């Protein structure tokens, strides 16, 4: 399995980076400047990029994202095998 997934949890920053066996890289990040983004790369080419100011994301969506990430973390190995 090619997973070198990592989780960075610092003050004001959360990041999850996954590298699938096929080489696809998935990153979910809320950075210290308040930008929330999702980035998917394959063969060094950007396949998807979504960014939004975190403060503009509605509270309900933030809570849903938090629950999604909490659910993903314990299951990273199964996720990257797909």
C-alpha atoms as a PDB file:
ATOM      1  CA  UNK A   1       0.000   0.000   0.000  1.00  0.00           C
ATOM      2  CA  UNK A   2       1.388   3.436  -0.925  1.00  0.00           C
ATOM      3  CA  UNK A   3      -0.209   5.354   1.914  1.00  0.00           C
ATOM      4  CA  UNK A   4       1.996   7.919   3.531  1.00  0.00           C
ATOM      5  CA  UNK A   5      -0.973   9.762   4.964  1.00  0.00           C
ATOM      6  CA  UNK A   6      -0.272  12.240   7.695  1.00  0.00           C
ATOM      7  CA  UNK A   7      -2.268  14.455   9.969  1.00  0.00           C
ATOM      8  CA  UNK A   8      -0.945  17.801  11.158  1.00  0.00           C
ATOM      9  CA  UNK A   9      -2.756  19.308  14.117  1.00  0.00           C
ATOM     10  CA  UNK A  10      -1.343  22.614  15.295  1.00  0.00           C
ATOM     11  CA  UNK A  11      -2.853  25.694  16.828  1.00  0.00           C
ATOM     12  CA  UNK A  12      -5.162  27.220  14.196  1.00  0.00           C
ATOM     13  CA  UNK A  13      -4.258  24.624  11.572  1.00  0.00           C
ATOM     14  CA  UNK A  14      -5.532  21.201  10.560  1.00  0.00           C
ATOM     15  CA  UNK A  15      -4.232  19.249   7.590  1.00  0.00           C
ATOM     16  CA  UNK A  16      -4.754  15.752   6.236  1.00  0.00           C
ATOM     17  CA  UNK A  17      -2.620  14.553   3.324  1.00  0.00           C
ATOM     18  CA  UNK A  18      -3.093  11.155   1.672  1.00  0.00           C
ATOM     19  CA  UNK A  19      -1.087   9.582  -1.117  1.00  0.00           C
ATOM     20  CA  UNK A  20      -2.853   6.657  -2.740  1.00  0.00           C
ATOM     21  CA  UNK A  21      -0.992   3.670  -4.217  1.00  0.00           C
ATOM     22  CA  UNK A  22      -1.778   4.983  -7.719  1.00  0.00           C
ATOM     23  CA  UNK A  23       0.103   8.211  -6.892  1.00  0.00           C
ATOM     24  CA  UNK A  24      -2.969  10.397  -6.456  1.00  0.00           C
ATOM     25  CA  UNK A  25      -2.485  12.928  -3.652  1.00  0.00           C
ATOM     26  CA  UNK A  26      -5.410  14.285  -1.641  1.00  0.00           C
ATOM     27  CA  UNK A  27      -5.024  17.188   0.766  1.00  0.00           C
ATOM     28  CA  UNK A  28      -7.628  18.760   3.049  1.00  0.00           C
ATOM     29  CA  UNK A  29      -6.391  21.809   4.908  1.00  0.00           C
ATOM     30  CA  UNK A  30      -7.606  24.606   7.140  1.00  0.00           C
ATOM     31  CA  UNK A  31      -4.591  26.858   7.386  1.00  0.00           C
ATOM     32  CA  UNK A  32      -3.508  29.472   9.903  1.00  0.00           C
ATOM     33  CA  UNK A  33      -4.758  32.272   7.641  1.00  0.00           C
ATOM     34  CA  UNK A  34      -8.292  30.879   7.698  1.00  0.00           C
ATOM     35  CA  UNK A  35      -8.392  29.374   4.206  1.00  0.00           C
ATOM     36  CA  UNK A  36     -10.122  26.014   3.835  1.00  0.00           C
ATOM     37  CA  UNK A  37      -9.129  24.022   0.795  1.00  0.00           C
ATOM     38  CA  UNK A  38      -9.238  20.631  -0.847  1.00  0.00           C
ATOM     39  CA  UNK A  39      -6.600  19.740  -3.419  1.00  0.00           C
ATOM     40  CA  UNK A  40      -6.366  16.566  -5.517  1.00  0.00           C
ATOM     41  CA  UNK A  41      -3.284  15.923  -7.667  1.00  0.00           C
ATOM     42  CA  UNK A  42      -2.467  13.090 -10.039  1.00  0.00           C
ATOM     43  CA  UNK A  43       0.870  12.877 -11.864  1.00  0.00           C
ATOM     44  CA  UNK A  44       1.768  16.341 -10.503  1.00  0.00           C
ATOM     45  CA  UNK A  45      -1.317  17.808 -12.241  1.00  0.00           C
ATOM     46  CA  UNK A  46      -4.101  19.457 -10.283  1.00  0.00           C
ATOM     47  CA  UNK A  47      -7.320  17.503 -10.785  1.00  0.00           C
ATOM     48  CA  UNK A  48      -9.455  19.423  -8.277  1.00  0.00           C
ATOM     49  CA  UNK A  49      -8.911  22.548  -6.252  1.00  0.00           C
ATOM     50  CA  UNK A  50     -11.506  24.104  -3.988  1.00  0.00           C
ATOM     51  CA  UNK A  51     -10.813  26.977  -1.617  1.00  0.00           C
ATOM     52  CA  UNK A  52     -12.969  29.177   0.560  1.00  0.00           C
ATOM     53  CA  UNK A  53     -12.402  31.559   3.433  1.00  0.00           C
ATOM     54  CA  UNK A  54     -13.106  29.404   6.499  1.00  0.00           C
ATOM     55  CA  UNK A  55     -14.965  32.235   8.256  1.00  0.00           C
ATOM     56  CA  UNK A  56     -17.455  32.307   5.356  1.00  0.00           C
ATOM     57  CA  UNK A  57     -18.274  28.603   5.674  1.00  0.00           C
ATOM     58  CA  UNK A  58     -21.596  28.265   7.561  1.00  0.00           C
ATOM     59  CA  UNK A  59     -21.362  26.753  11.058  1.00  0.00           C
ATOM     60  CA  UNK A  60     -23.471  23.739  10.069  1.00  0.00           C
ATOM     61  CA  UNK A  61     -21.075  22.899   7.210  1.00  0.00           C
ATOM     62  CA  UNK A  62     -18.080  23.296   9.546  1.00  0.00           C
ATOM     63  CA  UNK A  63     -19.650  20.823  11.970  1.00  0.00           C
ATOM     64  CA  UNK A  64     -20.342  18.363   9.119  1.00  0.00           C
ATOM     65  CA  UNK A  65     -16.731  18.661   7.924  1.00  0.00           C
ATOM     66  CA  UNK A  66     -15.448  18.095  11.450  1.00  0.00           C
ATOM     67  CA  UNK A  67     -17.536  14.912  11.777  1.00  0.00           C
ATOM     68  CA  UNK A  68     -16.391  13.726   8.333  1.00  0.00           C
ATOM     69  CA  UNK A  69     -12.710  14.219   9.189  1.00  0.00           C
ATOM     70  CA  UNK A  70     -13.112  12.552  12.576  1.00  0.00           C
ATOM     71  CA  UNK A  71     -14.657   9.564  10.783  1.00  0.00           C
ATOM     72  CA  UNK A  72     -11.955   9.423   8.107  1.00  0.00           C
ATOM     73  CA  UNK A  73      -8.928   9.509  10.373  1.00  0.00           C
ATOM     74  CA  UNK A  74      -9.375   6.025  11.923  1.00  0.00           C
ATOM     75  CA  UNK A  75     -10.098   4.539   8.489  1.00  0.00           C
ATOM     76  CA  UNK A  76      -7.336   6.074   6.346  1.00  0.00           C
ATOM     77  CA  UNK A  77      -5.872   2.738   5.252  1.00  0.00           C
ATOM     78  CA  UNK A  78      -9.186   1.469   3.896  1.00  0.00           C
ATOM     79  CA  UNK A  79      -9.847   4.800   2.194  1.00  0.00           C
ATOM     80  CA  UNK A  80      -6.579   4.906   0.254  1.00  0.00           C
ATOM     81  CA  UNK A  81      -6.949   1.283  -0.880  1.00  0.00           C
ATOM     82  CA  UNK A  82     -10.059   2.237  -2.866  1.00  0.00           C
END
